[in-house]
C-alpha cells in the first residue's frame, strides 16, 4: 500500500498510507512485546533465563518507541521513512 501511494503525488494520500503503515508496525511491535513479556513462560519448557527474557523485552519494546518516531518522520517525507524502515 505504501509503495502504491509513493508513486502518487497527492500528499494527503501519502500521509494516510504512512499513518496506516506506521499503525500496523506499532501494533505488531506491541503484540510481540506482549507475547515475550507475558506468554513466553507457558510456551517454553525448561528453565527460563531471566536476563535473556529482559533483553528480548527491551528489544521488542524499543520497536514500540522507534516506530511512532519513524511514522512522524514519514508525515514529512515518506521516502525517508521508507529508508529508515529498511535500515
PDB file of N, CA and C in Angstrom:
ATOM      1  N   UNK A   1       0.825  -1.185   0.000  1.00  0.00           N
ATOM      2  CA  UNK A   1       0.000   0.000   0.000  1.00  0.00           C
ATOM      3  C   UNK A   1       0.878   1.260   0.000  1.00  0.00           C
ATOM      4  N   UNK A   2       1.887   1.285   0.830  1.00  0.00           N
ATOM      5  CA  UNK A   2       2.758   2.463   0.897  1.00  0.00           C
ATOM      6  C   UNK A   2       3.456   2.680  -0.438  1.00  0.00           C
ATOM      7  N   UNK A   3       3.908   1.602  -1.071  1.00  0.00           N
ATOM      8  CA  UNK A   3       4.607   1.729  -2.353  1.00  0.00           C
ATOM      9  C   UNK A   3       3.694   2.325  -3.419  1.00  0.00           C
ATOM     10  N   UNK A   4       2.423   1.937  -3.425  1.00  0.00           N
ATOM     11  CA  UNK A   4       1.480   2.500  -4.395  1.00  0.00           C
ATOM     12  C   UNK A   4       1.302   3.999  -4.178  1.00  0.00           C
ATOM     13  N   UNK A   5       1.189   4.405  -2.932  1.00  0.00           N
ATOM     14  CA  UNK A   5       0.981   5.816  -2.635  1.00  0.00           C
ATOM     15  C   UNK A   5       2.246   6.647  -2.854  1.00  0.00           C
ATOM     16  N   UNK A   6       3.419   6.021  -2.742  1.00  0.00           N
ATOM     17  CA  UNK A   6       4.651   6.760  -3.003  1.00  0.00           C
ATOM     18  C   UNK A   6       4.751   7.176  -4.469  1.00  0.00           C
ATOM     19  N   UNK A   7       4.148   6.376  -5.358  1.00  0.00           N
ATOM     20  CA  UNK A   7       4.162   6.724  -6.777  1.00  0.00           C
ATOM     21  C   UNK A   7       3.185   7.838  -7.102  1.00  0.00           C
ATOM     22  N   UNK A   8       2.157   7.975  -6.270  1.00  0.00           N
ATOM     23  CA  UNK A   8       1.163   9.022  -6.486  1.00  0.00           C
ATOM     24  C   UNK A   8       1.671  10.318  -5.843  1.00  0.00           C
ATOM     25  N   UNK A   9       1.400  11.445  -6.468  1.00  0.00           N
ATOM     26  CA  UNK A   9       1.961  12.708  -5.981  1.00  0.00           C
ATOM     27  C   UNK A   9       1.043  13.432  -5.005  1.00  0.00           C
ATOM     28  N   UNK A  10      -0.145  12.937  -4.761  1.00  0.00           N
ATOM     29  CA  UNK A  10      -1.064  13.620  -3.843  1.00  0.00           C
ATOM     30  C   UNK A  10      -0.598  13.421  -2.405  1.00  0.00           C
ATOM     31  N   UNK A  11      -0.314  14.506  -1.724  1.00  0.00           N
ATOM     32  CA  UNK A  11       0.287  14.471  -0.385  1.00  0.00           C
ATOM     33  C   UNK A  11      -0.654  13.853   0.648  1.00  0.00           C
ATOM     34  N   UNK A  12      -1.950  14.114   0.569  1.00  0.00           N
ATOM     35  CA  UNK A  12      -2.879  13.565   1.563  1.00  0.00           C
ATOM     36  C   UNK A  12      -2.924  12.045   1.505  1.00  0.00           C
ATOM     37  N   UNK A  13      -2.875  11.483   0.295  1.00  0.00           N
ATOM     38  CA  UNK A  13      -2.881  10.033   0.167  1.00  0.00           C
ATOM     39  C   UNK A  13      -1.616   9.417   0.756  1.00  0.00           C
ATOM     40  N   UNK A  14      -0.496  10.084   0.554  1.00  0.00           N
ATOM     41  CA  UNK A  14       0.765   9.591   1.111  1.00  0.00           C
ATOM     42  C   UNK A  14       0.716   9.613   2.631  1.00  0.00           C
ATOM     43  N   UNK A  15       0.181  10.658   3.194  1.00  0.00           N
ATOM     44  CA  UNK A  15       0.105  10.744   4.661  1.00  0.00           C
ATOM     45  C   UNK A  15      -0.807   9.665   5.239  1.00  0.00           C
ATOM     46  N   UNK A  16      -1.905   9.387   4.572  1.00  0.00           N
ATOM     47  CA  UNK A  16      -2.803   8.321   5.043  1.00  0.00           C
ATOM     48  C   UNK A  16      -2.088   6.974   4.989  1.00  0.00           C
ATOM     49  N   UNK A  17      -1.370   6.713   3.900  1.00  0.00           N
ATOM     50  CA  UNK A  17      -0.624   5.458   3.774  1.00  0.00           C
ATOM     51  C   UNK A  17       0.449   5.352   4.849  1.00  0.00           C
ATOM     52  N   UNK A  18       1.143   6.464   5.123  1.00  0.00           N
ATOM     53  CA  UNK A  18       2.185   6.473   6.154  1.00  0.00           C
ATOM     54  C   UNK A  18       1.581   6.164   7.516  1.00  0.00           C
ATOM     55  N   UNK A  19       0.456   6.781   7.832  1.00  0.00           N
ATOM     56  CA  UNK A  19      -0.190   6.532   9.128  1.00  0.00           C
ATOM     57  C   UNK A  19      -0.662   5.088   9.257  1.00  0.00           C
ATOM     58  N   UNK A  20      -1.232   4.538   8.194  1.00  0.00           N
ATOM     59  CA  UNK A  20      -1.684   3.143   8.236  1.00  0.00           C
ATOM     60  C   UNK A  20      -0.502   2.184   8.389  1.00  0.00           C
ATOM     61  N   UNK A  21       0.559   2.444   7.659  1.00  0.00           N
ATOM     62  CA  UNK A  21       1.753   1.597   7.730  1.00  0.00           C
ATOM     63  C   UNK A  21       2.390   1.691   9.118  1.00  0.00           C
ATOM     64  N   UNK A  22       2.498   2.901   9.638  1.00  0.00           N
ATOM     65  CA  UNK A  22       3.068   3.086  10.974  1.00  0.00           C
ATOM     66  C   UNK A  22       2.219   2.449  12.060  1.00  0.00           C
ATOM     67  N   UNK A  23       0.889   2.579  11.937  1.00  0.00           N
ATOM     68  CA  UNK A  23      -0.006   1.982  12.929  1.00  0.00           C
ATOM     69  C   UNK A  23       0.091   0.455  12.908  1.00  0.00           C
ATOM     70  N   UNK A  24       0.194  -0.135  11.719  1.00  0.00           N
ATOM     71  CA  UNK A  24       0.308  -1.592  11.655  1.00  0.00           C
ATOM     72  C   UNK A  24       1.645  -2.065  12.242  1.00  0.00           C
ATOM     73  N   UNK A  25       2.730  -1.338  11.984  1.00  0.00           N
ATOM     74  CA  UNK A  25       4.020  -1.704  12.574  1.00  0.00           C
ATOM     75  C   UNK A  25       4.013  -1.546  14.087  1.00  0.00           C
ATOM     76  N   UNK A  26       3.396  -0.491  14.572  1.00  0.00           N
ATOM     77  CA  UNK A  26       3.307  -0.285  16.024  1.00  0.00           C
ATOM     78  C   UNK A  26       2.489  -1.404  16.672  1.00  0.00           C
ATOM     79  N   UNK A  27       1.395  -1.779  16.022  1.00  0.00           N
ATOM     80  CA  UNK A  27       0.582  -2.876  16.539  1.00  0.00           C
ATOM     81  C   UNK A  27       1.350  -4.179  16.622  1.00  0.00           C
ATOM     82  N   UNK A  28       2.159  -4.461  15.598  1.00  0.00           N
ATOM     83  CA  UNK A  28       2.969  -5.683  15.626  1.00  0.00           C
ATOM     84  C   UNK A  28       4.030  -5.617  16.721  1.00  0.00           C
ATOM     85  N   UNK A  29       4.636  -4.455  16.910  1.00  0.00           N
ATOM     86  CA  UNK A  29       5.662  -4.314  17.950  1.00  0.00           C
ATOM     87  C   UNK A  29       5.062  -4.546  19.334  1.00  0.00           C
ATOM     88  N   UNK A  30       3.879  -3.991  19.561  1.00  0.00           N
ATOM     89  CA  UNK A  30       3.212  -4.182  20.859  1.00  0.00           C
ATOM     90  C   UNK A  30       2.819  -5.640  21.041  1.00  0.00           C
ATOM     91  N   UNK A  31       2.317  -6.271  19.983  1.00  0.00           N
ATOM     92  CA  UNK A  31       1.920  -7.678  20.072  1.00  0.00           C
ATOM     93  C   UNK A  31       3.120  -8.567  20.408  1.00  0.00           C
ATOM     94  N   UNK A  32       4.243  -8.359  19.736  1.00  0.00           N
ATOM     95  CA  UNK A  32       5.439  -9.152  20.033  1.00  0.00           C
ATOM     96  C   UNK A  32       5.933  -8.898  21.454  1.00  0.00           C
ATOM     97  N   UNK A  33       5.861  -7.655  21.908  1.00  0.00           N
ATOM     98  CA  UNK A  33       6.283  -7.342  23.274  1.00  0.00           C
ATOM     99  C   UNK A  33       5.398  -8.067  24.281  1.00  0.00           C
ATOM    100  N   UNK A  34       4.095  -8.071  24.054  1.00  0.00           N
ATOM    101  CA  UNK A  34       3.181  -8.767  24.961  1.00  0.00           C
ATOM    102  C   UNK A  34       3.413 -10.272  24.952  1.00  0.00           C
ATOM    103  N   UNK A  35       3.699 -10.823  23.786  1.00  0.00           N
ATOM    104  CA  UNK A  35       3.984 -12.254  23.710  1.00  0.00           C
ATOM    105  C   UNK A  35       5.230 -12.596  24.513  1.00  0.00           C
ATOM    106  N   UNK A  36       6.283 -11.822  24.326  1.00  0.00           N
ATOM    107  CA  UNK A  36       7.542 -12.100  25.031  1.00  0.00           C
ATOM    108  C   UNK A  36       7.391 -11.845  26.523  1.00  0.00           C
ATOM    109  N   UNK A  37       6.667 -10.804  26.887  1.00  0.00           N
ATOM    110  CA  UNK A  37       6.563 -10.433  28.297  1.00  0.00           C
ATOM    111  C   UNK A  37       5.621 -11.350  29.085  1.00  0.00           C
ATOM    112  N   UNK A  38       4.522 -11.784  28.464  1.00  0.00           N
ATOM    113  CA  UNK A  38       3.505 -12.498  29.243  1.00  0.00           C
ATOM    114  C   UNK A  38       3.272 -13.942  28.814  1.00  0.00           C
ATOM    115  N   UNK A  39       3.390 -14.242  27.557  1.00  0.00           N
ATOM    116  CA  UNK A  39       3.076 -15.589  27.096  1.00  0.00           C
ATOM    117  C   UNK A  39       4.316 -16.451  26.914  1.00  0.00           C
ATOM    118  N   UNK A  40       5.474 -15.899  27.182  1.00  0.00           N
ATOM    119  CA  UNK A  40       6.730 -16.609  26.951  1.00  0.00           C
ATOM    120  C   UNK A  40       6.888 -17.814  27.879  1.00  0.00           C
ATOM    121  N   UNK A  41       6.606 -17.635  29.150  1.00  0.00           N
ATOM    122  CA  UNK A  41       6.830 -18.701  30.135  1.00  0.00           C
ATOM    123  C   UNK A  41       6.005 -19.957  29.854  1.00  0.00           C
ATOM    124  N   UNK A  42       4.709 -19.840  29.568  1.00  0.00           N
ATOM    125  CA  UNK A  42       3.958 -21.077  29.294  1.00  0.00           C
ATOM    126  C   UNK A  42       4.361 -21.769  27.990  1.00  0.00           C
ATOM    127  N   UNK A  43       4.988 -21.065  27.077  1.00  0.00           N
ATOM    128  CA  UNK A  43       5.343 -21.643  25.788  1.00  0.00           C
ATOM    129  C   UNK A  43       6.686 -22.357  25.792  1.00  0.00           C
ATOM    130  N   UNK A  44       7.502 -22.121  26.817  1.00  0.00           N
ATOM    131  CA  UNK A  44       8.859 -22.662  26.848  1.00  0.00           C
ATOM    132  C   UNK A  44       8.956 -23.733  27.928  1.00  0.00           C
ATOM    133  N   UNK A  45       9.505 -24.868  27.549  1.00  0.00           N
ATOM    134  CA  UNK A  45       9.746 -25.928  28.518  1.00  0.00           C
ATOM    135  C   UNK A  45      11.152 -25.767  29.075  1.00  0.00           C
ATOM    136  N   UNK A  46      11.307 -26.060  30.342  1.00  0.00           N
ATOM    137  CA  UNK A  46      12.625 -25.956  30.954  1.00  0.00           C
ATOM    138  C   UNK A  46      12.826 -24.608  31.615  1.00  0.00           C
ATOM    139  N   UNK A  47      14.033 -24.408  32.135  1.00  0.00           N
ATOM    140  CA  UNK A  47      14.319 -23.146  32.838  1.00  0.00           C
ATOM    141  C   UNK A  47      14.368 -21.958  31.871  1.00  0.00           C
ATOM    142  N   UNK A  48      13.946 -20.820  32.379  1.00  0.00           N
ATOM    143  CA  UNK A  48      13.934 -19.594  31.580  1.00  0.00           C
ATOM    144  C   UNK A  48      15.018 -18.660  32.105  1.00  0.00           C
ATOM    145  N   UNK A  49      15.897 -18.254  31.227  1.00  0.00           N
ATOM    146  CA  UNK A  49      16.956 -17.323  31.582  1.00  0.00           C
ATOM    147  C   UNK A  49      16.347 -15.923  31.688  1.00  0.00           C
ATOM    148  N   UNK A  50      16.309 -15.388  32.903  1.00  0.00           N
ATOM    149  CA  UNK A  50      15.682 -14.087  33.136  1.00  0.00           C
ATOM    150  C   UNK A  50      16.388 -12.957  32.391  1.00  0.00           C
ATOM    151  N   UNK A  51      17.711 -13.021  32.298  1.00  0.00           N
ATOM    152  CA  UNK A  51      18.452 -11.977  31.584  1.00  0.00           C
ATOM    153  C   UNK A  51      18.115 -11.978  30.098  1.00  0.00           C
ATOM    154  N   UNK A  52      17.997 -13.161  29.508  1.00  0.00           N
ATOM    155  CA  UNK A  52      17.640 -13.255  28.094  1.00  0.00           C
ATOM    156  C   UNK A  52      16.222 -12.741  27.860  1.00  0.00           C
ATOM    157  N   UNK A  53      15.331 -13.051  28.768  1.00  0.00           N
ATOM    158  CA  UNK A  53      13.953 -12.564  28.647  1.00  0.00           C
ATOM    159  C   UNK A  53      13.913 -11.033  28.723  1.00  0.00           C
ATOM    160  N   UNK A  54      14.683 -10.451  29.628  1.00  0.00           N
ATOM    161  CA  UNK A  54      14.729  -8.986  29.740  1.00  0.00           C
ATOM    162  C   UNK A  54      15.301  -8.353  28.473  1.00  0.00           C
ATOM    163  N   UNK A  55      16.335  -8.989  27.900  1.00  0.00           N
ATOM    164  CA  UNK A  55      16.908  -8.462  26.648  1.00  0.00           C
ATOM    165  C   UNK A  55      15.885  -8.498  25.522  1.00  0.00           C
ATOM    166  N   UNK A  56      15.128  -9.575  25.441  1.00  0.00           N
ATOM    167  CA  UNK A  56      14.101  -9.675  24.402  1.00  0.00           C
ATOM    168  C   UNK A  56      13.004  -8.634  24.616  1.00  0.00           C
ATOM    169  N   UNK A  57      12.599  -8.447  25.853  1.00  0.00           N
ATOM    170  CA  UNK A  57      11.588  -7.423  26.142  1.00  0.00           C
ATOM    171  C   UNK A  57      12.094  -6.040  25.771  1.00  0.00           C
ATOM    172  N   UNK A  58      13.352  -5.767  26.050  1.00  0.00           N
ATOM    173  CA  UNK A  58      13.927  -4.471  25.690  1.00  0.00           C
ATOM    174  C   UNK A  58      13.971  -4.296  24.173  1.00  0.00           C
ATOM    175  N   UNK A  59      14.374  -5.357  23.462  1.00  0.00           N
ATOM    176  CA  UNK A  59      14.485  -5.273  22.008  1.00  0.00           C
ATOM    177  C   UNK A  59      13.125  -5.031  21.356  1.00  0.00           C
ATOM    178  N   UNK A  60      12.105  -5.783  21.780  1.00  0.00           N
ATOM    179  CA  UNK A  60      10.778  -5.584  21.210  1.00  0.00           C
ATOM    180  C   UNK A  60      10.140  -4.297  21.716  1.00  0.00           C
ATOM    181  N   UNK A  61      10.456  -3.907  22.940  1.00  0.00           N
ATOM    182  CA  UNK A  61       9.939  -2.645  23.465  1.00  0.00           C
ATOM    183  C   UNK A  61      10.525  -1.439  22.757  1.00  0.00           C
ATOM    184  N   UNK A  62      11.764  -1.564  22.290  1.00  0.00           N
ATOM    185  CA  UNK A  62      12.388  -0.467  21.546  1.00  0.00           C
ATOM    186  C   UNK A  62      11.625  -0.188  20.263  1.00  0.00           C
ATOM    187  N   UNK A  63      11.118  -1.219  19.633  1.00  0.00           N
ATOM    188  CA  UNK A  63      10.315  -1.026  18.423  1.00  0.00           C
ATOM    189  C   UNK A  63       9.059  -0.227  18.693  1.00  0.00           C
ATOM    190  N   UNK A  64       8.493  -0.396  19.873  1.00  0.00           N
ATOM    191  CA  UNK A  64       7.298   0.361  20.237  1.00  0.00           C
ATOM    192  C   UNK A  64       7.572   1.846  20.349  1.00  0.00           C
ATOM    193  N   UNK A  65       8.826   2.208  20.567  1.00  0.00           N
ATOM    194  CA  UNK A  65       9.213   3.615  20.652  1.00  0.00           C
ATOM    195  C   UNK A  65       9.681   4.128  19.289  1.00  0.00           C
ATOM    196  N   UNK A  66      10.409   3.296  18.567  1.00  0.00           N
ATOM    197  CA  UNK A  66      11.000   3.721  17.295  1.00  0.00           C
ATOM    198  C   UNK A  66       9.945   3.887  16.201  1.00  0.00           C
ATOM    199  N   UNK A  67       8.990   2.971  16.110  1.00  0.00           N
ATOM    200  CA  UNK A  67       8.006   3.033  15.025  1.00  0.00           C
ATOM    201  C   UNK A  67       7.190   4.325  15.007  1.00  0.00           C
ATOM    202  N   UNK A  68       6.705   4.830  16.140  1.00  0.00           N
ATOM    203  CA  UNK A  68       5.990   6.114  16.077  1.00  0.00           C
ATOM    204  C   UNK A  68       6.886   7.272  15.629  1.00  0.00           C
ATOM    205  N   UNK A  69       8.149   7.254  16.038  1.00  0.00           N
ATOM    206  CA  UNK A  69       9.069   8.321  15.619  1.00  0.00           C
ATOM    207  C   UNK A  69       9.274   8.273  14.107  1.00  0.00           C
ATOM    208  N   UNK A  70       9.479   7.074  13.575  1.00  0.00           N
ATOM    209  CA  UNK A  70       9.658   6.928  12.127  1.00  0.00           C
ATOM    210  C   UNK A  70       8.386   7.323  11.385  1.00  0.00           C
ATOM    211  N   UNK A  71       7.236   7.038  11.955  1.00  0.00           N
ATOM    212  CA  UNK A  71       5.970   7.422  11.333  1.00  0.00           C
ATOM    213  C   UNK A  71       5.828   8.942  11.280  1.00  0.00           C
ATOM    214  N   UNK A  72       6.233   9.616  12.328  1.00  0.00           N
ATOM    215  CA  UNK A  72       6.181  11.086  12.329  1.00  0.00           C
ATOM    216  C   UNK A  72       7.124  11.639  11.262  1.00  0.00           C
ATOM    217  N   UNK A  73       8.296  11.037  11.133  1.00  0.00           N
ATOM    218  CA  UNK A  73       9.212  11.444  10.064  1.00  0.00           C
ATOM    219  C   UNK A  73       8.543  11.234   8.706  1.00  0.00           C
ATOM    220  N   UNK A  74       7.812  10.132   8.575  1.00  0.00           N
ATOM    221  CA  UNK A  74       7.144   9.823   7.324  1.00  0.00           C
ATOM    222  C   UNK A  74       6.061  10.809   6.941  1.00  0.00           C
ATOM    223  N   UNK A  75       5.480  11.488   7.907  1.00  0.00           N
ATOM    224  CA  UNK A  75       4.475  12.509   7.581  1.00  0.00           C
ATOM    225  C   UNK A  75       5.100  13.670   6.824  1.00  0.00           C
ATOM    226  N   UNK A  76       6.389  13.887   7.011  1.00  0.00           N
ATOM    227  CA  UNK A  76       7.092  14.953   6.306  1.00  0.00           C
ATOM    228  C   UNK A  76       7.787  14.441   5.046  1.00  0.00           C
ATOM    229  N   UNK A  77       8.292  13.206   5.094  1.00  0.00           N
ATOM    230  CA  UNK A  77       8.959  12.629   3.931  1.00  0.00           C
ATOM    231  C   UNK A  77       8.785  11.110   3.952  1.00  0.00           C
ATOM    232  N   UNK A  78       7.910  10.623   3.089  1.00  0.00           N
ATOM    233  CA  UNK A  78       7.653   9.183   3.028  1.00  0.00           C
ATOM    234  C   UNK A  78       8.892   8.418   2.549  1.00  0.00           C
ATOM    235  N   UNK A  79       9.686   9.036   1.713  1.00  0.00           N
ATOM    236  CA  UNK A  79      10.885   8.370   1.211  1.00  0.00           C
ATOM    237  C   UNK A  79      11.902   8.138   2.328  1.00  0.00           C
ATOM    238  N   UNK A  80      12.072   9.130   3.203  1.00  0.00           N
ATOM    239  CA  UNK A  80      12.997   8.968   4.332  1.00  0.00           C
ATOM    240  C   UNK A  80      12.479   7.904   5.296  1.00  0.00           C
ATOM    241  N   UNK A  81      11.159   7.876   5.506  1.00  0.00           N
ATOM    242  CA  UNK A  81      10.577   6.847   6.365  1.00  0.00           C
ATOM    243  C   UNK A  81      10.849   5.463   5.795  1.00  0.00           C
ATOM    244  N   UNK A  82      10.683   5.326   4.503  1.00  0.00           N
ATOM    245  CA  UNK A  82      10.930   4.051   3.843  1.00  0.00           C
ATOM    246  C   UNK A  82      12.379   3.613   4.041  1.00  0.00           C
ATOM    247  N   UNK A  83      13.314   4.533   3.907  1.00  0.00           N
ATOM    248  CA  UNK A  83      14.743   4.230   4.106  1.00  0.00           C
ATOM    249  C   UNK A  83      14.991   3.838   5.567  1.00  0.00           C
ATOM    250  N   UNK A  84      14.367   4.514   6.511  1.00  0.00           N
ATOM    251  CA  UNK A  84      14.554   4.181   7.937  1.00  0.00           C
ATOM    252  C   UNK A  84      14.008   2.793   8.246  1.00  0.00           C
ATOM    253  N   UNK A  85      12.900   2.406   7.631  1.00  0.00           N
ATOM    254  CA  UNK A  85      12.375   1.059   7.851  1.00  0.00           C
ATOM    255  C   UNK A  85      13.307   0.002   7.270  1.00  0.00           C
ATOM    256  N   UNK A  86      13.934   0.307   6.165  1.00  0.00           N
ATOM    257  CA  UNK A  86      14.877  -0.646   5.566  1.00  0.00           C
ATOM    258  C   UNK A  86      16.109  -0.808   6.456  1.00  0.00           C
ATOM    259  N   UNK A  87      16.533   0.302   7.070  1.00  0.00           N
ATOM    260  CA  UNK A  87      17.721   0.274   7.928  1.00  0.00           C
ATOM    261  C   UNK A  87      17.388  -0.495   9.161  1.00  0.00           C
TER     262      UNK A  87
END
